[in-house]
Amino acid sequence: MSKTEPSVRIGKLLEAKVITRAELDAAVEAFIVNPQVGAFEIAPGYTVDLTAAVKADRHATATVKEPTAKSGSRRAAIRSALLLARLM
């Protein structure tokens, strides 16, 4: 996959083994630590806007804002939003 193809979803990069689960998990953690993180290099040469990705997903946005949401639910919602996100 071309590094310059912004229409590629993160989930497709994971399927193609261009990025690893560990890199995806690091992106989830980066968002949890700082929800305003913005651009994040998920793998060398591949950047995604974490904040925009979560905001674009209604379920993830609602889960992150829900004060009673459990940590695992938040992580799963963020991960799901990132898998659907496109590169910058």
N, C-alpha and C. Protein backbone atom coordinates (compact mmCIF):
# COMPACT_ATOMS: atom_id res chain seq x y z
N MET A 1 0.83 -1.19 0.00
CA MET A 1 0.00 0.00 0.00
C MET A 1 0.87 1.24 0.00
N SER A 2 0.43 2.21 -0.73
CA SER A 2 1.16 3.45 -0.84
C SER A 2 1.01 4.28 0.42
N LYS A 3 2.11 4.85 0.87
CA LYS A 3 2.06 5.71 2.05
C LYS A 3 1.33 7.01 1.77
N THR A 4 1.16 7.34 0.51
CA THR A 4 0.54 8.61 0.16
C THR A 4 -0.94 8.47 -0.15
N GLU A 5 -1.52 7.33 0.10
CA GLU A 5 -2.93 7.11 -0.22
C GLU A 5 -3.80 7.38 1.01
N PRO A 6 -4.33 8.62 1.14
CA PRO A 6 -5.10 8.97 2.33
C PRO A 6 -6.45 8.29 2.45
N SER A 7 -6.95 7.70 1.37
CA SER A 7 -8.27 7.08 1.45
C SER A 7 -8.22 5.70 2.12
N VAL A 8 -7.04 5.22 2.44
CA VAL A 8 -6.90 3.91 3.06
C VAL A 8 -7.32 4.00 4.53
N ARG A 9 -8.15 3.07 4.94
CA ARG A 9 -8.58 3.01 6.34
C ARG A 9 -7.54 2.26 7.17
N ILE A 10 -7.47 2.63 8.43
CA ILE A 10 -6.52 2.01 9.35
C ILE A 10 -6.77 0.51 9.44
N GLY A 11 -8.02 0.11 9.42
CA GLY A 11 -8.35 -1.32 9.47
C GLY A 11 -7.74 -2.09 8.32
N LYS A 12 -7.72 -1.50 7.13
CA LYS A 12 -7.12 -2.16 5.96
C LYS A 12 -5.61 -2.26 6.12
N LEU A 13 -5.00 -1.25 6.72
CA LEU A 13 -3.55 -1.31 6.97
C LEU A 13 -3.22 -2.42 7.97
N LEU A 14 -4.10 -2.60 8.94
CA LEU A 14 -3.91 -3.66 9.93
C LEU A 14 -4.05 -5.03 9.25
N GLU A 15 -5.07 -5.17 8.41
CA GLU A 15 -5.26 -6.43 7.68
C GLU A 15 -4.06 -6.76 6.80
N ALA A 16 -3.50 -5.74 6.18
CA ALA A 16 -2.36 -5.93 5.27
C ALA A 16 -1.04 -6.04 6.03
N LYS A 17 -1.11 -5.96 7.35
CA LYS A 17 0.06 -6.05 8.22
C LYS A 17 1.06 -4.93 7.98
N VAL A 18 0.52 -3.79 7.53
CA VAL A 18 1.35 -2.59 7.37
C VAL A 18 1.55 -1.95 8.74
N ILE A 19 0.52 -2.02 9.57
CA ILE A 19 0.64 -1.60 10.96
C ILE A 19 0.34 -2.81 11.84
N THR A 20 0.84 -2.75 13.05
CA THR A 20 0.66 -3.88 13.98
C THR A 20 -0.41 -3.55 15.01
N ARG A 21 -0.86 -4.59 15.69
CA ARG A 21 -1.83 -4.38 16.77
C ARG A 21 -1.21 -3.52 17.86
N ALA A 22 0.09 -3.69 18.10
CA ALA A 22 0.78 -2.89 19.12
C ALA A 22 0.76 -1.41 18.74
N GLU A 23 0.92 -1.10 17.46
CA GLU A 23 0.88 0.29 17.01
C GLU A 23 -0.53 0.86 17.15
N LEU A 24 -1.53 0.04 16.85
CA LEU A 24 -2.92 0.47 17.03
C LEU A 24 -3.21 0.70 18.51
N ASP A 25 -2.75 -0.22 19.35
CA ASP A 25 -2.94 -0.07 20.80
C ASP A 25 -2.26 1.20 21.32
N ALA A 26 -1.08 1.51 20.78
CA ALA A 26 -0.37 2.73 21.18
C ALA A 26 -1.18 3.97 20.79
N ALA A 27 -1.84 3.93 19.65
CA ALA A 27 -2.69 5.06 19.23
C ALA A 27 -3.88 5.21 20.17
N VAL A 28 -4.47 4.11 20.57
CA VAL A 28 -5.60 4.15 21.52
C VAL A 28 -5.12 4.77 22.83
N GLU A 29 -3.99 4.33 23.31
CA GLU A 29 -3.44 4.86 24.57
C GLU A 29 -3.13 6.35 24.44
N ALA A 30 -2.59 6.75 23.29
CA ALA A 30 -2.27 8.17 23.08
C ALA A 30 -3.53 9.02 23.17
N PHE A 31 -4.63 8.53 22.62
CA PHE A 31 -5.88 9.27 22.70
C PHE A 31 -6.39 9.31 24.14
N ILE A 32 -6.30 8.21 24.85
CA ILE A 32 -6.78 8.17 26.24
C ILE A 32 -5.99 9.16 27.10
N VAL A 33 -4.69 9.22 26.91
CA VAL A 33 -3.85 10.13 27.67
C VAL A 33 -4.16 11.59 27.33
N ASN A 34 -4.39 11.86 26.03
CA ASN A 34 -4.65 13.23 25.58
C ASN A 34 -5.67 13.21 24.46
N PRO A 35 -6.96 13.38 24.77
CA PRO A 35 -8.00 13.35 23.73
C PRO A 35 -7.85 14.44 22.66
N GLN A 36 -7.02 15.43 22.91
CA GLN A 36 -6.78 16.50 21.93
C GLN A 36 -5.47 16.29 21.18
N VAL A 37 -4.99 15.06 21.14
CA VAL A 37 -3.69 14.74 20.55
C VAL A 37 -3.58 15.14 19.08
N GLY A 38 -4.65 15.02 18.33
CA GLY A 38 -4.61 15.40 16.91
C GLY A 38 -3.82 14.40 16.08
N ALA A 39 -2.91 14.92 15.25
CA ALA A 39 -2.14 14.07 14.34
C ALA A 39 -1.23 13.13 15.13
N PHE A 40 -1.22 11.87 14.71
CA PHE A 40 -0.44 10.84 15.39
C PHE A 40 0.14 9.90 14.34
N GLU A 41 1.43 9.68 14.40
CA GLU A 41 2.07 8.75 13.47
C GLU A 41 1.86 7.34 14.01
N ILE A 42 0.91 6.64 13.40
CA ILE A 42 0.54 5.31 13.87
C ILE A 42 1.60 4.28 13.50
N ALA A 43 2.29 4.53 12.41
CA ALA A 43 3.42 3.71 11.96
C ALA A 43 4.29 4.63 11.12
N PRO A 44 5.56 4.29 10.92
CA PRO A 44 6.43 5.17 10.14
C PRO A 44 5.82 5.52 8.77
N GLY A 45 5.58 6.82 8.58
CA GLY A 45 5.03 7.30 7.32
C GLY A 45 3.52 7.30 7.23
N TYR A 46 2.83 6.85 8.29
CA TYR A 46 1.36 6.77 8.30
C TYR A 46 0.82 7.59 9.47
N THR A 47 0.08 8.64 9.15
CA THR A 47 -0.43 9.55 10.17
C THR A 47 -1.94 9.60 10.12
N VAL A 48 -2.54 9.62 11.31
CA VAL A 48 -3.99 9.70 11.44
C VAL A 48 -4.30 10.77 12.50
N ASP A 49 -5.38 11.49 12.31
CA ASP A 49 -5.82 12.47 13.30
C ASP A 49 -6.72 11.72 14.29
N LEU A 50 -6.16 11.39 15.45
CA LEU A 50 -6.89 10.61 16.44
C LEU A 50 -8.13 11.34 16.95
N THR A 51 -7.99 12.62 17.21
CA THR A 51 -9.11 13.39 17.72
C THR A 51 -10.26 13.42 16.72
N ALA A 52 -9.94 13.67 15.47
CA ALA A 52 -10.98 13.72 14.42
C ALA A 52 -11.61 12.34 14.22
N ALA A 53 -10.79 11.30 14.31
CA ALA A 53 -11.31 9.94 14.11
C ALA A 53 -12.36 9.59 15.16
N VAL A 54 -12.08 9.92 16.40
CA VAL A 54 -13.03 9.61 17.48
C VAL A 54 -14.26 10.51 17.37
N LYS A 55 -14.06 11.78 17.07
CA LYS A 55 -15.19 12.70 16.93
C LYS A 55 -16.11 12.30 15.77
N ALA A 56 -15.54 11.69 14.73
CA ALA A 56 -16.33 11.29 13.56
C ALA A 56 -17.21 10.08 13.84
N ASP A 57 -16.94 9.36 14.90
CA ASP A 57 -17.69 8.16 15.25
C ASP A 57 -18.62 8.48 16.42
N ARG A 58 -19.93 8.46 16.17
CA ARG A 58 -20.90 8.84 17.21
C ARG A 58 -20.81 7.94 18.44
N HIS A 59 -20.66 6.64 18.22
CA HIS A 59 -20.58 5.72 19.35
C HIS A 59 -19.34 6.00 20.20
N ALA A 60 -18.21 6.17 19.54
CA ALA A 60 -16.97 6.44 20.28
C ALA A 60 -17.07 7.75 21.05
N THR A 61 -17.62 8.77 20.41
CA THR A 61 -17.77 10.07 21.07
C THR A 61 -18.65 9.94 22.31
N ALA A 62 -19.77 9.26 22.19
CA ALA A 62 -20.69 9.08 23.31
C ALA A 62 -20.05 8.27 24.43
N THR A 63 -19.33 7.22 24.07
CA THR A 63 -18.70 6.36 25.07
C THR A 63 -17.61 7.10 25.82
N VAL A 64 -16.79 7.84 25.10
CA VAL A 64 -15.70 8.58 25.74
C VAL A 64 -16.25 9.64 26.69
N LYS A 65 -17.36 10.26 26.34
CA LYS A 65 -17.96 11.32 27.17
C LYS A 65 -18.76 10.76 28.35
N GLU A 66 -19.17 9.50 28.28
CA GLU A 66 -20.01 8.91 29.32
C GLU A 66 -19.19 8.68 30.60
N PRO A 67 -19.54 9.38 31.68
CA PRO A 67 -18.74 9.25 32.91
C PRO A 67 -18.79 7.86 33.55
N THR A 68 -19.82 7.08 33.27
CA THR A 68 -19.91 5.76 33.88
C THR A 68 -19.34 4.65 32.98
N ALA A 69 -18.85 5.02 31.80
CA ALA A 69 -18.29 4.01 30.89
C ALA A 69 -17.03 3.40 31.49
N LYS A 70 -16.93 2.10 31.36
CA LYS A 70 -15.76 1.40 31.88
C LYS A 70 -14.58 1.57 30.93
N SER A 71 -13.40 1.40 31.48
CA SER A 71 -12.17 1.58 30.71
C SER A 71 -12.14 0.70 29.45
N GLY A 72 -12.54 -0.54 29.59
CA GLY A 72 -12.54 -1.46 28.45
C GLY A 72 -13.50 -1.02 27.36
N SER A 73 -14.65 -0.48 27.76
CA SER A 73 -15.62 0.02 26.79
C SER A 73 -15.07 1.22 26.05
N ARG A 74 -14.40 2.10 26.77
CA ARG A 74 -13.80 3.28 26.14
C ARG A 74 -12.74 2.84 25.13
N ARG A 75 -11.86 1.94 25.55
CA ARG A 75 -10.79 1.48 24.66
C ARG A 75 -11.37 0.82 23.40
N ALA A 76 -12.39 0.00 23.57
CA ALA A 76 -12.99 -0.69 22.43
C ALA A 76 -13.64 0.30 21.47
N ALA A 77 -14.30 1.32 22.00
CA ALA A 77 -14.95 2.32 21.15
C ALA A 77 -13.92 3.14 20.39
N ILE A 78 -12.85 3.51 21.06
CA ILE A 78 -11.78 4.27 20.42
C ILE A 78 -11.11 3.42 19.34
N ARG A 79 -10.83 2.17 19.67
CA ARG A 79 -10.21 1.26 18.70
C ARG A 79 -11.09 1.10 17.47
N SER A 80 -12.38 0.93 17.67
CA SER A 80 -13.32 0.78 16.56
C SER A 80 -13.30 2.03 15.68
N ALA A 81 -13.31 3.19 16.30
CA ALA A 81 -13.27 4.45 15.53
C ALA A 81 -11.98 4.56 14.73
N LEU A 82 -10.88 4.14 15.33
CA LEU A 82 -9.60 4.22 14.63
C LEU A 82 -9.53 3.24 13.47
N LEU A 83 -10.11 2.08 13.62
CA LEU A 83 -10.09 1.11 12.52
C LEU A 83 -10.84 1.63 11.30
N LEU A 84 -11.83 2.48 11.52
CA LEU A 84 -12.60 3.07 10.43
C LEU A 84 -11.99 4.36 9.89
N ALA A 85 -11.03 4.90 10.62
CA ALA A 85 -10.43 6.19 10.26
C ALA A 85 -9.54 6.07 9.01
N ARG A 86 -9.43 7.18 8.33
CA ARG A 86 -8.58 7.25 7.13
C ARG A 86 -7.29 8.02 7.48
N LEU A 87 -6.25 7.74 6.72
CA LEU A 87 -4.99 8.44 6.91
C LEU A 87 -5.15 9.91 6.60
N MET A 88 -4.24 10.70 7.12
CA MET A 88 -4.24 12.14 6.82
C MET A 88 -3.54 12.36 5.48
